[in-house]
């Protein structure tokens, strides 16, 4: 059964073994799907893309915290006290 990949660039596991950097370069900076017998077995994600994904997840978690706390009373701080 063929599974859908959400990536345009794919390489076979054999291609990855033969020349890992060429396989990664085929993605042109975007993630690639590594296939075994035409089935995706994992995705290779460039470091910059992975870091951006983590930043987005952190932002998403912060939005959830803000939404959760939006009903709480705010604390007023007088900065002149410091």
C-alpha atoms as a PDB file:
ATOM      1  CA  UNK A   1       0.000   0.000   0.000  1.00  0.00           C
ATOM      2  CA  UNK A   2       1.526   3.341  -1.041  1.00  0.00           C
ATOM      3  CA  UNK A   3       1.617   6.035   1.578  1.00  0.00           C
ATOM      4  CA  UNK A   4       1.421   9.730   0.852  1.00  0.00           C
ATOM      5  CA  UNK A   5       4.559  11.763   1.399  1.00  0.00           C
ATOM      6  CA  UNK A   6       4.290  15.446   2.158  1.00  0.00           C
ATOM      7  CA  UNK A   7       7.606  16.212   0.531  1.00  0.00           C
ATOM      8  CA  UNK A   8       8.567  16.799  -3.068  1.00  0.00           C
ATOM      9  CA  UNK A   9      12.091  15.321  -2.901  1.00  0.00           C
ATOM     10  CA  UNK A  10      12.578  11.637  -2.237  1.00  0.00           C
ATOM     11  CA  UNK A  11      15.620   9.374  -2.286  1.00  0.00           C
ATOM     12  CA  UNK A  12      15.974   5.655  -1.844  1.00  0.00           C
ATOM     13  CA  UNK A  13      17.816   4.238   1.137  1.00  0.00           C
ATOM     14  CA  UNK A  14      20.362   2.864  -1.373  1.00  0.00           C
ATOM     15  CA  UNK A  15      21.002   6.359  -2.763  1.00  0.00           C
ATOM     16  CA  UNK A  16      21.401   7.690   0.760  1.00  0.00           C
ATOM     17  CA  UNK A  17      23.938   4.975   1.597  1.00  0.00           C
ATOM     18  CA  UNK A  18      25.951   5.562  -1.599  1.00  0.00           C
ATOM     19  CA  UNK A  19      26.271   9.338  -1.279  1.00  0.00           C
ATOM     20  CA  UNK A  20      24.565  10.878   1.756  1.00  0.00           C
ATOM     21  CA  UNK A  21      25.465  14.476   0.932  1.00  0.00           C
ATOM     22  CA  UNK A  22      24.224  14.208  -2.672  1.00  0.00           C
ATOM     23  CA  UNK A  23      20.995  12.702  -1.385  1.00  0.00           C
ATOM     24  CA  UNK A  24      20.535  15.569   1.070  1.00  0.00           C
ATOM     25  CA  UNK A  25      21.449  18.149  -1.570  1.00  0.00           C
ATOM     26  CA  UNK A  26      18.633  16.819  -3.759  1.00  0.00           C
ATOM     27  CA  UNK A  27      16.220  18.493  -1.354  1.00  0.00           C
ATOM     28  CA  UNK A  28      17.732  21.928  -2.094  1.00  0.00           C
ATOM     29  CA  UNK A  29      17.479  22.958   1.557  1.00  0.00           C
ATOM     30  CA  UNK A  30      14.089  21.377   2.124  1.00  0.00           C
ATOM     31  CA  UNK A  31      13.322  18.076   3.881  1.00  0.00           C
ATOM     32  CA  UNK A  32      13.565  14.850   1.892  1.00  0.00           C
ATOM     33  CA  UNK A  33      11.747  11.559   2.336  1.00  0.00           C
ATOM     34  CA  UNK A  34      13.935   8.462   2.428  1.00  0.00           C
ATOM     35  CA  UNK A  35      12.220   5.478   0.847  1.00  0.00           C
ATOM     36  CA  UNK A  36      12.673   1.760   1.318  1.00  0.00           C
ATOM     37  CA  UNK A  37      10.841  -0.251  -1.357  1.00  0.00           C
ATOM     38  CA  UNK A  38       8.945   2.906  -2.334  1.00  0.00           C
ATOM     39  CA  UNK A  39       7.649   3.444   1.200  1.00  0.00           C
ATOM     40  CA  UNK A  40       8.792   6.443   3.269  1.00  0.00           C
ATOM     41  CA  UNK A  41      10.766   5.253   6.275  1.00  0.00           C
ATOM     42  CA  UNK A  42      11.994   8.592   7.570  1.00  0.00           C
ATOM     43  CA  UNK A  43      12.450  12.234   6.689  1.00  0.00           C
ATOM     44  CA  UNK A  44      15.762  14.079   6.611  1.00  0.00           C
ATOM     45  CA  UNK A  45      15.287  17.638   7.758  1.00  0.00           C
ATOM     46  CA  UNK A  46      18.043  20.264   7.394  1.00  0.00           C
ATOM     47  CA  UNK A  47      19.198  21.784  10.685  1.00  0.00           C
ATOM     48  CA  UNK A  48      17.814  25.250   9.870  1.00  0.00           C
ATOM     49  CA  UNK A  49      14.386  23.813   9.059  1.00  0.00           C
ATOM     50  CA  UNK A  50      14.400  21.688  12.224  1.00  0.00           C
ATOM     51  CA  UNK A  51      15.313  24.716  14.358  1.00  0.00           C
ATOM     52  CA  UNK A  52      12.536  26.740  12.722  1.00  0.00           C
ATOM     53  CA  UNK A  53      10.088  23.921  13.468  1.00  0.00           C
ATOM     54  CA  UNK A  54      11.123  23.913  17.129  1.00  0.00           C
ATOM     55  CA  UNK A  55      10.686  27.695  17.293  1.00  0.00           C
ATOM     56  CA  UNK A  56       7.181  27.383  15.858  1.00  0.00           C
ATOM     57  CA  UNK A  57       6.305  24.662  18.379  1.00  0.00           C
ATOM     58  CA  UNK A  58       7.588  26.837  21.215  1.00  0.00           C
ATOM     59  CA  UNK A  59       5.499  29.745  19.927  1.00  0.00           C
ATOM     60  CA  UNK A  60       2.451  27.497  19.720  1.00  0.00           C
ATOM     61  CA  UNK A  61       2.953  26.388  23.322  1.00  0.00           C
ATOM     62  CA  UNK A  62       3.331  30.010  24.450  1.00  0.00           C
ATOM     63  CA  UNK A  63       0.085  30.941  22.705  1.00  0.00           C
ATOM     64  CA  UNK A  64      -1.638  28.134  24.607  1.00  0.00           C
ATOM     65  CA  UNK A  65      -0.233  29.422  27.913  1.00  0.00           C
ATOM     66  CA  UNK A  66      -1.366  32.983  27.131  1.00  0.00           C
ATOM     67  CA  UNK A  67      -4.835  31.759  26.182  1.00  0.00           C
ATOM     68  CA  UNK A  68      -5.047  29.726  29.386  1.00  0.00           C
ATOM     69  CA  UNK A  69      -3.966  32.669  31.525  1.00  0.00           C
ATOM     70  CA  UNK A  70      -6.003  35.329  29.753  1.00  0.00           C
ATOM     71  CA  UNK A  71      -8.826  34.982  32.255  1.00  0.00           C
ATOM     72  CA  UNK A  72      -6.569  35.410  35.279  1.00  0.00           C
ATOM     73  CA  UNK A  73      -6.326  38.784  37.018  1.00  0.00           C
ATOM     74  CA  UNK A  74      -3.250  40.731  36.003  1.00  0.00           C
ATOM     75  CA  UNK A  75      -0.600  41.867  38.427  1.00  0.00           C
ATOM     76  CA  UNK A  76       0.386  45.510  38.243  1.00  0.00           C
ATOM     77  CA  UNK A  77       4.032  46.228  38.956  1.00  0.00           C
ATOM     78  CA  UNK A  78       5.382  49.669  39.652  1.00  0.00           C
ATOM     79  CA  UNK A  79       8.857  49.712  38.127  1.00  0.00           C
ATOM     80  CA  UNK A  80       9.762  52.793  40.177  1.00  0.00           C
ATOM     81  CA  UNK A  81       9.870  50.561  43.255  1.00  0.00           C
ATOM     82  CA  UNK A  82      13.050  48.916  42.022  1.00  0.00           C
END
